[in-house]
Amino acid sequence: MISFASVTLEVSDPAAAEAFYEAFGIADRVNVRASDEPATGFRGFALSLVASQPGNVDALIGAAVDAGATTLKPATKSFWGYGGVVQAPDGTICKVASSKKKDSAPPAREFDQIALLLGVADVKASKRFYVDRGLSVAKSFGGKYAEFDTPSSAVTLALYPLRALAKDIGVPQDGTGSHRLVLAGGDEAFTDPDGFAWEAAPARTLA
């Protein structure tokens, strides 16, 4: 049985990645480790940061860009709120958004929630796979979205259709090679139906 404990990004330069995520403000939520596994195009996942107001979105995106991120979608207003998308120097894609369209406090580099969005071929099938392994569903919207109850992790785990996730973050859905991502939880290693690798929970987990 598994319980989502932590997320590790596999990067070519761990020191540079650690410096970037420290500047971005999420170094305490993600681990990094060295890997030279080949990966091209969309790696099938994204980190999603939810902020309380547009000013915080701008502050977070500004910090990321100043630290070397590339803008994939400039922060703009939409019918659902305000947000934008950046890509870290190691290739990880990060969406930053708020459901609010106006600030109610001085802007700050703060967010309320961070989620790991896994792009999957079949949300319902992947949800069943994880439920069978012990995860509990917190939210579910048919085949469009599923979010798990992950109290032991500072990062929320969610499933999104691969095509829809790629469209949302503004990249082609095609990709080859490694996901460059490892999830941890439980006491044994396995790979899910979409090729995302899990390993036993490490001694240090996110708090």
N, C-alpha and C. Protein backbone atom coordinates (compact mmCIF):
# COMPACT_ATOMS: atom_id res chain seq x y z
N MET A 1 0.84 -1.19 0.00
CA MET A 1 0.00 0.00 0.00
C MET A 1 0.88 1.24 0.00
N ILE A 2 0.47 2.25 -0.75
CA ILE A 2 1.28 3.45 -0.88
C ILE A 2 0.61 4.65 -0.21
N SER A 3 1.44 5.63 0.14
CA SER A 3 0.97 6.93 0.58
C SER A 3 1.96 7.94 0.03
N PHE A 4 1.50 8.86 -0.76
CA PHE A 4 2.39 9.79 -1.45
C PHE A 4 3.20 10.60 -0.43
N ALA A 5 4.53 10.47 -0.49
CA ALA A 5 5.39 11.12 0.49
C ALA A 5 6.21 12.27 -0.08
N SER A 6 6.73 12.12 -1.29
CA SER A 6 7.59 13.17 -1.82
C SER A 6 7.72 13.06 -3.33
N VAL A 7 8.23 14.12 -3.93
CA VAL A 7 8.46 14.15 -5.37
C VAL A 7 9.91 14.56 -5.62
N THR A 8 10.56 13.84 -6.51
CA THR A 8 11.95 14.12 -6.86
C THR A 8 12.05 14.39 -8.35
N LEU A 9 12.67 15.51 -8.70
CA LEU A 9 12.92 15.86 -10.08
C LEU A 9 14.33 15.40 -10.44
N GLU A 10 14.45 14.69 -11.55
CA GLU A 10 15.76 14.24 -11.99
C GLU A 10 16.32 15.26 -12.98
N VAL A 11 17.49 15.80 -12.67
CA VAL A 11 18.05 16.93 -13.41
C VAL A 11 19.51 16.67 -13.77
N SER A 12 19.97 17.38 -14.78
CA SER A 12 21.36 17.22 -15.20
C SER A 12 22.33 17.91 -14.25
N ASP A 13 21.88 19.02 -13.62
CA ASP A 13 22.74 19.80 -12.74
C ASP A 13 21.99 20.06 -11.42
N PRO A 14 22.15 19.18 -10.43
CA PRO A 14 21.41 19.32 -9.17
C PRO A 14 21.68 20.64 -8.44
N ALA A 15 22.92 21.10 -8.44
CA ALA A 15 23.23 22.35 -7.73
C ALA A 15 22.49 23.53 -8.36
N ALA A 16 22.48 23.59 -9.68
CA ALA A 16 21.78 24.67 -10.36
C ALA A 16 20.27 24.57 -10.14
N ALA A 17 19.74 23.35 -10.16
CA ALA A 17 18.31 23.15 -9.94
C ALA A 17 17.92 23.56 -8.53
N GLU A 18 18.72 23.17 -7.54
CA GLU A 18 18.44 23.55 -6.16
C GLU A 18 18.43 25.07 -6.00
N ALA A 19 19.38 25.75 -6.65
CA ALA A 19 19.42 27.21 -6.57
C ALA A 19 18.18 27.82 -7.21
N PHE A 20 17.73 27.25 -8.32
CA PHE A 20 16.54 27.77 -8.98
C PHE A 20 15.31 27.61 -8.09
N TYR A 21 15.10 26.41 -7.56
CA TYR A 21 13.89 26.18 -6.77
C TYR A 21 13.91 26.94 -5.45
N GLU A 22 15.11 27.22 -4.95
CA GLU A 22 15.22 28.08 -3.76
C GLU A 22 14.77 29.50 -4.12
N ALA A 23 15.22 30.01 -5.26
CA ALA A 23 14.83 31.35 -5.69
C ALA A 23 13.33 31.43 -6.00
N PHE A 24 12.79 30.36 -6.54
CA PHE A 24 11.37 30.28 -6.90
C PHE A 24 10.50 30.18 -5.66
N GLY A 25 11.06 29.60 -4.61
CA GLY A 25 10.32 29.49 -3.36
C GLY A 25 9.69 28.15 -3.08
N ILE A 26 10.12 27.09 -3.82
CA ILE A 26 9.52 25.76 -3.60
C ILE A 26 10.57 24.70 -3.30
N ALA A 27 11.76 25.13 -2.88
CA ALA A 27 12.83 24.16 -2.60
C ALA A 27 12.46 23.20 -1.48
N ASP A 28 11.58 23.63 -0.58
CA ASP A 28 11.17 22.75 0.51
C ASP A 28 10.07 21.77 0.10
N ARG A 29 9.58 21.89 -1.13
CA ARG A 29 8.49 21.02 -1.61
C ARG A 29 8.95 19.96 -2.60
N VAL A 30 10.11 20.15 -3.21
CA VAL A 30 10.60 19.19 -4.20
C VAL A 30 12.05 18.83 -3.92
N ASN A 31 12.39 17.58 -4.21
CA ASN A 31 13.77 17.12 -4.14
C ASN A 31 14.34 17.08 -5.56
N VAL A 32 15.65 17.16 -5.67
CA VAL A 32 16.31 17.00 -6.97
C VAL A 32 17.45 16.01 -6.84
N ARG A 33 17.73 15.31 -7.93
CA ARG A 33 18.89 14.43 -7.95
C ARG A 33 19.38 14.30 -9.38
N ALA A 34 20.63 13.90 -9.51
CA ALA A 34 21.27 13.87 -10.83
C ALA A 34 20.72 12.74 -11.70
N SER A 35 20.52 13.06 -12.97
CA SER A 35 20.14 12.06 -13.97
C SER A 35 20.45 12.60 -15.35
N ASP A 36 20.96 11.73 -16.19
CA ASP A 36 21.21 12.09 -17.59
C ASP A 36 20.36 11.24 -18.52
N GLU A 37 19.27 10.68 -17.98
CA GLU A 37 18.36 9.91 -18.82
C GLU A 37 17.82 10.80 -19.94
N PRO A 38 17.81 10.33 -21.18
CA PRO A 38 17.34 11.17 -22.28
C PRO A 38 15.85 11.46 -22.17
N ALA A 39 15.48 12.69 -22.48
CA ALA A 39 14.08 13.10 -22.47
C ALA A 39 13.92 14.24 -23.45
N THR A 40 12.93 14.13 -24.33
CA THR A 40 12.66 15.20 -25.29
C THR A 40 11.18 15.54 -25.26
N GLY A 41 10.87 16.81 -25.55
CA GLY A 41 9.48 17.24 -25.60
C GLY A 41 8.83 17.27 -24.23
N PHE A 42 7.50 17.17 -24.21
CA PHE A 42 6.74 17.24 -22.98
C PHE A 42 6.98 15.98 -22.15
N ARG A 43 7.34 16.16 -20.88
CA ARG A 43 7.67 15.03 -20.02
C ARG A 43 6.45 14.49 -19.29
N GLY A 44 5.26 15.03 -19.57
CA GLY A 44 4.03 14.43 -19.07
C GLY A 44 3.56 14.87 -17.71
N PHE A 45 4.17 15.90 -17.15
CA PHE A 45 3.70 16.38 -15.85
C PHE A 45 3.97 17.87 -15.71
N ALA A 46 3.35 18.47 -14.71
CA ALA A 46 3.59 19.88 -14.41
C ALA A 46 3.36 20.10 -12.92
N LEU A 47 4.03 21.09 -12.37
CA LEU A 47 3.77 21.54 -11.01
C LEU A 47 2.80 22.71 -11.10
N SER A 48 1.79 22.70 -10.25
CA SER A 48 0.78 23.75 -10.26
C SER A 48 0.75 24.45 -8.91
N LEU A 49 1.06 25.75 -8.91
CA LEU A 49 1.04 26.54 -7.69
C LEU A 49 -0.22 27.41 -7.68
N VAL A 50 -0.97 27.35 -6.61
CA VAL A 50 -2.18 28.15 -6.46
C VAL A 50 -1.91 29.25 -5.45
N ALA A 51 -2.05 30.49 -5.91
CA ALA A 51 -1.81 31.65 -5.05
C ALA A 51 -3.13 32.34 -4.71
N SER A 52 -3.10 33.19 -3.69
CA SER A 52 -4.33 33.81 -3.21
C SER A 52 -4.75 35.03 -4.01
N GLN A 53 -3.81 35.61 -4.81
CA GLN A 53 -4.14 36.82 -5.54
C GLN A 53 -3.17 37.01 -6.71
N PRO A 54 -3.56 37.84 -7.70
CA PRO A 54 -2.71 38.05 -8.88
C PRO A 54 -1.31 38.57 -8.56
N GLY A 55 -1.20 39.45 -7.58
CA GLY A 55 0.11 40.00 -7.23
C GLY A 55 1.09 38.93 -6.80
N ASN A 56 0.58 37.92 -6.12
CA ASN A 56 1.45 36.83 -5.70
C ASN A 56 1.86 35.97 -6.90
N VAL A 57 0.95 35.82 -7.85
CA VAL A 57 1.29 35.10 -9.09
C VAL A 57 2.44 35.82 -9.80
N ASP A 58 2.32 37.12 -9.93
CA ASP A 58 3.38 37.90 -10.59
C ASP A 58 4.70 37.81 -9.84
N ALA A 59 4.63 37.84 -8.50
CA ALA A 59 5.85 37.76 -7.70
C ALA A 59 6.55 36.42 -7.88
N LEU A 60 5.78 35.35 -7.90
CA LEU A 60 6.35 34.01 -8.07
C LEU A 60 6.92 33.83 -9.48
N ILE A 61 6.16 34.24 -10.49
CA ILE A 61 6.64 34.11 -11.86
C ILE A 61 7.86 34.99 -12.08
N GLY A 62 7.85 36.20 -11.51
CA GLY A 62 8.99 37.09 -11.63
C GLY A 62 10.25 36.49 -11.02
N ALA A 63 10.10 35.84 -9.86
CA ALA A 63 11.24 35.21 -9.21
C ALA A 63 11.77 34.07 -10.07
N ALA A 64 10.86 33.31 -10.67
CA ALA A 64 11.28 32.19 -11.52
C ALA A 64 12.03 32.68 -12.75
N VAL A 65 11.50 33.70 -13.41
CA VAL A 65 12.14 34.24 -14.61
C VAL A 65 13.49 34.84 -14.26
N ASP A 66 13.57 35.56 -13.14
CA ASP A 66 14.85 36.14 -12.72
C ASP A 66 15.89 35.06 -12.44
N ALA A 67 15.42 33.87 -12.05
CA ALA A 67 16.34 32.78 -11.74
C ALA A 67 16.65 31.92 -12.95
N GLY A 68 16.11 32.27 -14.13
CA GLY A 68 16.46 31.57 -15.35
C GLY A 68 15.35 30.82 -16.04
N ALA A 69 14.11 30.91 -15.54
CA ALA A 69 12.99 30.22 -16.18
C ALA A 69 12.61 30.89 -17.49
N THR A 70 11.97 30.13 -18.36
CA THR A 70 11.46 30.62 -19.63
C THR A 70 9.94 30.75 -19.53
N THR A 71 9.40 31.83 -20.04
CA THR A 71 7.96 32.03 -20.02
C THR A 71 7.30 31.25 -21.15
N LEU A 72 6.36 30.36 -20.79
CA LEU A 72 5.59 29.63 -21.80
C LEU A 72 4.26 30.32 -22.06
N LYS A 73 3.65 30.84 -21.00
CA LYS A 73 2.42 31.62 -21.11
C LYS A 73 2.52 32.81 -20.18
N PRO A 74 2.56 34.04 -20.70
CA PRO A 74 2.61 35.21 -19.81
C PRO A 74 1.38 35.24 -18.91
N ALA A 75 1.55 35.74 -17.71
CA ALA A 75 0.43 35.83 -16.77
C ALA A 75 -0.63 36.81 -17.30
N THR A 76 -1.85 36.34 -17.38
CA THR A 76 -2.95 37.15 -17.90
C THR A 76 -4.24 36.81 -17.15
N LYS A 77 -5.23 37.69 -17.30
CA LYS A 77 -6.55 37.43 -16.75
C LYS A 77 -7.32 36.51 -17.69
N SER A 78 -8.18 35.71 -17.11
CA SER A 78 -9.08 34.87 -17.90
C SER A 78 -10.41 34.78 -17.17
N PHE A 79 -11.34 34.04 -17.72
CA PHE A 79 -12.65 33.95 -17.07
C PHE A 79 -12.58 33.26 -15.72
N TRP A 80 -11.53 32.42 -15.52
CA TRP A 80 -11.43 31.68 -14.25
C TRP A 80 -10.53 32.38 -13.23
N GLY A 81 -9.78 33.41 -13.64
CA GLY A 81 -8.89 34.07 -12.70
C GLY A 81 -7.69 34.70 -13.36
N TYR A 82 -6.50 34.39 -12.88
CA TYR A 82 -5.27 35.01 -13.36
C TYR A 82 -4.14 34.00 -13.22
N GLY A 83 -3.32 33.87 -14.26
CA GLY A 83 -2.22 32.92 -14.15
C GLY A 83 -1.31 32.89 -15.36
N GLY A 84 -0.20 32.18 -15.21
CA GLY A 84 0.78 32.05 -16.28
C GLY A 84 1.57 30.76 -16.09
N VAL A 85 2.44 30.47 -17.06
CA VAL A 85 3.21 29.22 -17.04
C VAL A 85 4.67 29.52 -17.38
N VAL A 86 5.58 28.90 -16.62
CA VAL A 86 7.01 29.04 -16.89
C VAL A 86 7.65 27.66 -16.94
N GLN A 87 8.82 27.59 -17.56
CA GLN A 87 9.57 26.34 -17.61
C GLN A 87 10.92 26.56 -16.95
N ALA A 88 11.22 25.74 -15.95
CA ALA A 88 12.48 25.84 -15.23
C ALA A 88 13.65 25.47 -16.13
N PRO A 89 14.86 25.92 -15.79
CA PRO A 89 16.03 25.57 -16.60
C PRO A 89 16.22 24.06 -16.78
N ASP A 90 15.76 23.24 -15.82
CA ASP A 90 15.91 21.79 -15.95
C ASP A 90 14.81 21.17 -16.80
N GLY A 91 13.84 21.98 -17.26
CA GLY A 91 12.77 21.49 -18.12
C GLY A 91 11.43 21.31 -17.45
N THR A 92 11.39 21.34 -16.12
CA THR A 92 10.12 21.19 -15.40
C THR A 92 9.21 22.37 -15.68
N ILE A 93 7.94 22.09 -15.96
CA ILE A 93 6.96 23.13 -16.27
C ILE A 93 6.15 23.45 -15.02
N CYS A 94 6.00 24.74 -14.73
CA CYS A 94 5.30 25.19 -13.54
C CYS A 94 4.20 26.19 -13.91
N LYS A 95 3.00 25.87 -13.50
CA LYS A 95 1.86 26.76 -13.69
C LYS A 95 1.60 27.49 -12.38
N VAL A 96 1.40 28.81 -12.45
CA VAL A 96 1.11 29.60 -11.26
C VAL A 96 -0.18 30.37 -11.52
N ALA A 97 -1.16 30.21 -10.65
CA ALA A 97 -2.47 30.80 -10.92
C ALA A 97 -3.19 31.18 -9.63
N SER A 98 -4.18 32.06 -9.78
CA SER A 98 -5.06 32.46 -8.69
C SER A 98 -6.48 32.54 -9.24
N SER A 99 -7.45 32.20 -8.41
CA SER A 99 -8.85 32.31 -8.84
C SER A 99 -9.35 33.75 -8.71
N LYS A 100 -8.55 34.59 -8.05
CA LYS A 100 -8.92 36.01 -7.88
C LYS A 100 -8.38 36.84 -9.05
N LYS A 101 -9.06 37.94 -9.33
CA LYS A 101 -8.62 38.84 -10.40
C LYS A 101 -8.11 40.18 -9.88
N LYS A 102 -8.25 40.40 -8.57
CA LYS A 102 -7.78 41.64 -7.97
C LYS A 102 -7.05 41.33 -6.67
N ASP A 103 -6.05 42.15 -6.37
CA ASP A 103 -5.30 41.99 -5.12
C ASP A 103 -6.08 42.55 -3.94
N SER A 104 -5.92 41.92 -2.79
CA SER A 104 -6.53 42.40 -1.56
C SER A 104 -5.49 42.66 -0.49
N ALA A 105 -4.20 42.49 -0.85
CA ALA A 105 -3.10 42.69 0.09
C ALA A 105 -1.84 42.99 -0.72
N PRO A 106 -0.78 43.48 -0.08
CA PRO A 106 0.48 43.71 -0.80
C PRO A 106 0.98 42.41 -1.42
N PRO A 107 1.47 42.45 -2.66
CA PRO A 107 1.97 41.22 -3.31
C PRO A 107 3.10 40.58 -2.51
N ALA A 108 3.13 39.26 -2.53
CA ALA A 108 4.16 38.51 -1.84
C ALA A 108 4.48 37.24 -2.62
N ARG A 109 5.71 36.75 -2.48
CA ARG A 109 6.10 35.52 -3.16
C ARG A 109 5.60 34.34 -2.32
N GLU A 110 4.30 34.16 -2.32
CA GLU A 110 3.65 33.14 -1.50
C GLU A 110 2.60 32.39 -2.31
N PHE A 111 2.38 31.15 -1.95
CA PHE A 111 1.30 30.37 -2.57
C PHE A 111 0.62 29.53 -1.49
N ASP A 112 -0.61 29.11 -1.78
CA ASP A 112 -1.40 28.37 -0.80
C ASP A 112 -1.32 26.86 -0.99
N GLN A 113 -1.08 26.43 -2.21
CA GLN A 113 -1.07 24.99 -2.50
C GLN A 113 -0.17 24.72 -3.68
N ILE A 114 0.48 23.57 -3.66
CA ILE A 114 1.25 23.13 -4.82
C ILE A 114 0.83 21.69 -5.14
N ALA A 115 0.56 21.45 -6.40
CA ALA A 115 0.12 20.13 -6.83
C ALA A 115 1.02 19.60 -7.93
N LEU A 116 1.23 18.28 -7.94
CA LEU A 116 1.90 17.61 -9.03
C LEU A 116 0.82 17.05 -9.94
N LEU A 117 0.74 17.58 -11.15
CA LEU A 117 -0.26 17.13 -12.12
C LEU A 117 0.39 16.09 -13.05
N LEU A 118 -0.10 14.87 -12.99
CA LEU A 118 0.38 13.82 -13.88
C LEU A 118 -0.52 13.75 -15.10
N GLY A 119 0.04 13.89 -16.29
CA GLY A 119 -0.72 13.74 -17.52
C GLY A 119 -0.87 12.27 -17.86
N VAL A 120 -2.09 11.78 -17.91
CA VAL A 120 -2.31 10.34 -18.09
C VAL A 120 -3.22 10.08 -19.30
N ALA A 121 -3.13 8.86 -19.82
CA ALA A 121 -3.94 8.49 -20.99
C ALA A 121 -5.41 8.33 -20.63
N ASP A 122 -5.69 7.83 -19.42
CA ASP A 122 -7.06 7.55 -19.00
C ASP A 122 -7.18 7.85 -17.51
N VAL A 123 -7.79 8.97 -17.17
CA VAL A 123 -7.88 9.39 -15.77
C VAL A 123 -8.60 8.35 -14.93
N LYS A 124 -9.70 7.81 -15.43
CA LYS A 124 -10.47 6.83 -14.65
C LYS A 124 -9.65 5.57 -14.37
N ALA A 125 -8.93 5.08 -15.38
CA ALA A 125 -8.13 3.88 -15.21
C ALA A 125 -6.97 4.12 -14.24
N SER A 126 -6.30 5.27 -14.38
CA SER A 126 -5.19 5.58 -13.48
C SER A 126 -5.69 5.81 -12.05
N LYS A 127 -6.86 6.42 -11.92
CA LYS A 127 -7.43 6.61 -10.59
C LYS A 127 -7.69 5.26 -9.92
N ARG A 128 -8.26 4.31 -10.68
CA ARG A 128 -8.50 2.98 -10.13
C ARG A 128 -7.20 2.30 -9.71
N PHE A 129 -6.16 2.47 -10.54
CA PHE A 129 -4.86 1.88 -10.24
C PHE A 129 -4.36 2.37 -8.89
N TYR A 130 -4.44 3.67 -8.66
CA TYR A 130 -3.93 4.22 -7.41
C TYR A 130 -4.84 3.92 -6.22
N VAL A 131 -6.12 3.90 -6.42
CA VAL A 131 -7.05 3.54 -5.35
C VAL A 131 -6.80 2.09 -4.92
N ASP A 132 -6.56 1.22 -5.89
CA ASP A 132 -6.27 -0.18 -5.58
C ASP A 132 -4.98 -0.32 -4.78
N ARG A 133 -4.08 0.65 -4.91
CA ARG A 133 -2.83 0.59 -4.17
C ARG A 133 -2.90 1.35 -2.85
N GLY A 134 -4.06 1.90 -2.52
CA GLY A 134 -4.23 2.46 -1.19
C GLY A 134 -4.47 3.95 -1.09
N LEU A 135 -4.40 4.70 -2.19
CA LEU A 135 -4.67 6.14 -2.11
C LEU A 135 -6.17 6.40 -2.07
N SER A 136 -6.55 7.45 -1.36
CA SER A 136 -7.96 7.86 -1.28
C SER A 136 -8.19 9.06 -2.18
N VAL A 137 -9.32 9.09 -2.85
CA VAL A 137 -9.66 10.19 -3.75
C VAL A 137 -10.28 11.33 -2.95
N ALA A 138 -9.74 12.53 -3.14
CA ALA A 138 -10.28 13.72 -2.48
C ALA A 138 -11.27 14.44 -3.38
N LYS A 139 -10.98 14.51 -4.68
CA LYS A 139 -11.85 15.15 -5.66
C LYS A 139 -11.80 14.34 -6.95
N SER A 140 -12.93 14.27 -7.65
CA SER A 140 -12.94 13.55 -8.91
C SER A 140 -14.02 14.13 -9.82
N PHE A 141 -13.64 14.39 -11.06
CA PHE A 141 -14.57 14.91 -12.05
C PHE A 141 -14.52 14.01 -13.29
N GLY A 142 -15.08 12.79 -13.12
CA GLY A 142 -15.14 11.84 -14.22
C GLY A 142 -13.78 11.55 -14.81
N GLY A 143 -13.69 11.67 -16.13
CA GLY A 143 -12.42 11.43 -16.80
C GLY A 143 -11.60 12.68 -17.02
N LYS A 144 -11.99 13.78 -16.35
CA LYS A 144 -11.32 15.06 -16.58
C LYS A 144 -10.28 15.42 -15.52
N TYR A 145 -10.45 14.89 -14.30
CA TYR A 145 -9.54 15.30 -13.23
C TYR A 145 -9.77 14.40 -12.02
N ALA A 146 -8.70 14.07 -11.32
CA ALA A 146 -8.81 13.34 -10.06
C ALA A 146 -7.70 13.82 -9.14
N GLU A 147 -8.04 14.07 -7.89
CA GLU A 147 -7.08 14.55 -6.90
C GLU A 147 -7.14 13.61 -5.70
N PHE A 148 -5.96 13.25 -5.18
CA PHE A 148 -5.90 12.30 -4.08
C PHE A 148 -5.70 13.01 -2.74
N ASP A 149 -6.13 12.35 -1.69
CA ASP A 149 -5.91 12.83 -0.33
C ASP A 149 -4.50 12.40 0.07
N THR A 150 -3.57 13.37 0.18
CA THR A 150 -2.17 13.04 0.43
C THR A 150 -1.66 13.80 1.65
N PRO A 151 -2.14 13.47 2.84
CA PRO A 151 -1.78 14.22 4.05
C PRO A 151 -0.31 14.11 4.44
N SER A 152 0.39 13.07 3.99
CA SER A 152 1.79 12.91 4.37
C SER A 152 2.75 13.66 3.47
N SER A 153 2.22 14.39 2.49
CA SER A 153 3.07 15.14 1.56
C SER A 153 2.66 16.61 1.52
N ALA A 154 3.64 17.48 1.34
CA ALA A 154 3.36 18.90 1.18
C ALA A 154 2.94 19.22 -0.24
N VAL A 155 2.95 18.23 -1.11
CA VAL A 155 2.54 18.38 -2.50
C VAL A 155 1.30 17.51 -2.73
N THR A 156 0.27 18.09 -3.34
CA THR A 156 -0.93 17.35 -3.69
C THR A 156 -0.68 16.57 -4.97
N LEU A 157 -1.21 15.36 -5.06
CA LEU A 157 -1.07 14.53 -6.25
C LEU A 157 -2.38 14.51 -7.01
N ALA A 158 -2.33 14.81 -8.32
CA ALA A 158 -3.55 14.86 -9.13
C ALA A 158 -3.30 14.29 -10.52
N LEU A 159 -4.38 13.83 -11.15
CA LEU A 159 -4.33 13.27 -12.50
C LEU A 159 -5.10 14.17 -13.45
N TYR A 160 -4.57 14.31 -14.66
CA TYR A 160 -5.15 15.18 -15.67
C TYR A 160 -4.98 14.48 -17.01
N PRO A 161 -5.92 14.57 -17.92
CA PRO A 161 -5.69 13.97 -19.24
C PRO A 161 -4.45 14.58 -19.90
N LEU A 162 -3.60 13.75 -20.47
CA LEU A 162 -2.34 14.23 -21.04
C LEU A 162 -2.56 15.34 -22.05
N ARG A 163 -3.50 15.13 -22.98
CA ARG A 163 -3.75 16.12 -24.03
C ARG A 163 -4.23 17.44 -23.41
N ALA A 164 -5.12 17.36 -22.44
CA ALA A 164 -5.66 18.57 -21.81
C ALA A 164 -4.58 19.30 -21.01
N LEU A 165 -3.71 18.54 -20.34
CA LEU A 165 -2.64 19.17 -19.56
C LEU A 165 -1.68 19.91 -20.48
N ALA A 166 -1.29 19.28 -21.58
CA ALA A 166 -0.38 19.92 -22.53
C ALA A 166 -0.99 21.20 -23.09
N LYS A 167 -2.28 21.16 -23.41
CA LYS A 167 -2.96 22.34 -23.93
C LYS A 167 -3.01 23.44 -22.88
N ASP A 168 -3.28 23.07 -21.65
CA ASP A 168 -3.40 24.05 -20.56
C ASP A 168 -2.10 24.79 -20.32
N ILE A 169 -0.98 24.08 -20.43
CA ILE A 169 0.30 24.73 -20.14
C ILE A 169 0.98 25.26 -21.40
N GLY A 170 0.38 25.01 -22.56
CA GLY A 170 0.86 25.63 -23.79
C GLY A 170 2.01 24.95 -24.48
N VAL A 171 2.05 23.59 -24.44
CA VAL A 171 3.11 22.86 -25.13
C VAL A 171 2.50 21.73 -25.95
N PRO A 172 3.19 21.26 -26.99
CA PRO A 172 2.73 20.06 -27.70
C PRO A 172 2.76 18.86 -26.76
N GLN A 173 1.85 17.92 -26.92
CA GLN A 173 1.78 16.80 -25.99
C GLN A 173 2.82 15.72 -26.23
N ASP A 174 3.49 15.77 -27.38
CA ASP A 174 4.44 14.73 -27.72
C ASP A 174 5.71 14.83 -26.89
N GLY A 175 6.23 13.68 -26.48
CA GLY A 175 7.48 13.62 -25.76
C GLY A 175 8.01 12.20 -25.78
N THR A 176 9.31 12.04 -25.64
CA THR A 176 9.92 10.72 -25.63
C THR A 176 10.94 10.64 -24.50
N GLY A 177 11.26 9.42 -24.12
CA GLY A 177 12.29 9.21 -23.10
C GLY A 177 11.74 9.25 -21.69
N SER A 178 12.61 9.58 -20.77
CA SER A 178 12.28 9.56 -19.35
C SER A 178 11.36 10.70 -18.94
N HIS A 179 10.50 10.43 -17.96
CA HIS A 179 9.70 11.52 -17.38
C HIS A 179 10.60 12.44 -16.55
N ARG A 180 11.75 11.95 -16.13
CA ARG A 180 12.65 12.70 -15.25
C ARG A 180 11.93 13.08 -13.95
N LEU A 181 11.16 12.15 -13.44
CA LEU A 181 10.35 12.38 -12.24
C LEU A 181 10.24 11.08 -11.47
N VAL A 182 10.42 11.15 -10.14
CA VAL A 182 10.24 9.97 -9.29
C VAL A 182 9.36 10.36 -8.11
N LEU A 183 8.30 9.58 -7.89
CA LEU A 183 7.43 9.77 -6.74
C LEU A 183 7.80 8.73 -5.69
N ALA A 184 7.60 9.07 -4.43
CA ALA A 184 7.95 8.14 -3.36
C ALA A 184 6.78 7.96 -2.41
N GLY A 185 6.66 6.72 -1.91
CA GLY A 185 5.62 6.40 -0.94
C GLY A 185 5.45 4.91 -0.83
N GLY A 186 5.15 4.43 0.36
CA GLY A 186 5.02 3.00 0.56
C GLY A 186 6.38 2.35 0.74
N ASP A 187 6.42 1.03 0.54
CA ASP A 187 7.66 0.29 0.83
C ASP A 187 8.19 -0.51 -0.35
N GLU A 188 7.67 -0.24 -1.56
CA GLU A 188 8.19 -0.96 -2.71
C GLU A 188 8.13 -0.09 -3.96
N ALA A 189 9.01 -0.41 -4.89
CA ALA A 189 9.07 0.34 -6.14
C ALA A 189 8.08 -0.24 -7.15
N PHE A 190 7.52 0.62 -7.99
CA PHE A 190 6.64 0.16 -9.07
C PHE A 190 6.55 1.27 -10.11
N THR A 191 5.95 0.97 -11.25
CA THR A 191 5.72 1.95 -12.30
C THR A 191 4.24 1.95 -12.63
N ASP A 192 3.64 3.13 -12.75
CA ASP A 192 2.20 3.20 -12.99
C ASP A 192 1.89 3.01 -14.48
N PRO A 193 0.61 2.96 -14.87
CA PRO A 193 0.26 2.67 -16.27
C PRO A 193 0.81 3.66 -17.28
N ASP A 194 1.16 4.87 -16.84
CA ASP A 194 1.68 5.88 -17.77
C ASP A 194 3.18 6.04 -17.68
N GLY A 195 3.84 5.10 -17.01
CA GLY A 195 5.29 5.11 -16.96
C GLY A 195 5.90 5.97 -15.88
N PHE A 196 5.10 6.49 -14.95
CA PHE A 196 5.65 7.27 -13.85
C PHE A 196 6.19 6.32 -12.78
N ALA A 197 7.44 6.53 -12.40
CA ALA A 197 8.12 5.64 -11.48
C ALA A 197 7.91 6.04 -10.02
N TRP A 198 7.65 5.05 -9.20
CA TRP A 198 7.56 5.21 -7.75
C TRP A 198 8.67 4.40 -7.10
N GLU A 199 9.16 4.90 -5.97
CA GLU A 199 10.12 4.13 -5.18
C GLU A 199 9.69 4.19 -3.72
N ALA A 200 10.28 3.33 -2.89
CA ALA A 200 9.95 3.32 -1.48
C ALA A 200 10.24 4.69 -0.87
N ALA A 201 9.44 5.07 0.10
CA ALA A 201 9.61 6.37 0.74
C ALA A 201 11.01 6.52 1.30
N PRO A 202 11.68 7.63 1.00
CA PRO A 202 13.04 7.83 1.51
C PRO A 202 13.02 8.17 2.99
N ALA A 203 14.18 8.16 3.59
CA ALA A 203 14.26 8.49 5.01
C ALA A 203 13.83 9.91 5.28
N ARG A 204 14.12 10.83 4.34
CA ARG A 204 13.68 12.22 4.49
C ARG A 204 12.50 12.45 3.57
N THR A 205 11.38 12.84 4.14
CA THR A 205 10.20 13.17 3.35
C THR A 205 9.86 14.63 3.51
N LEU A 206 9.03 15.14 2.61
CA LEU A 206 8.65 16.54 2.67
C LEU A 206 7.75 16.79 3.86
N ALA A 207 7.96 17.91 4.51
CA ALA A 207 7.16 18.24 5.70
C ALA A 207 6.37 19.49 5.46
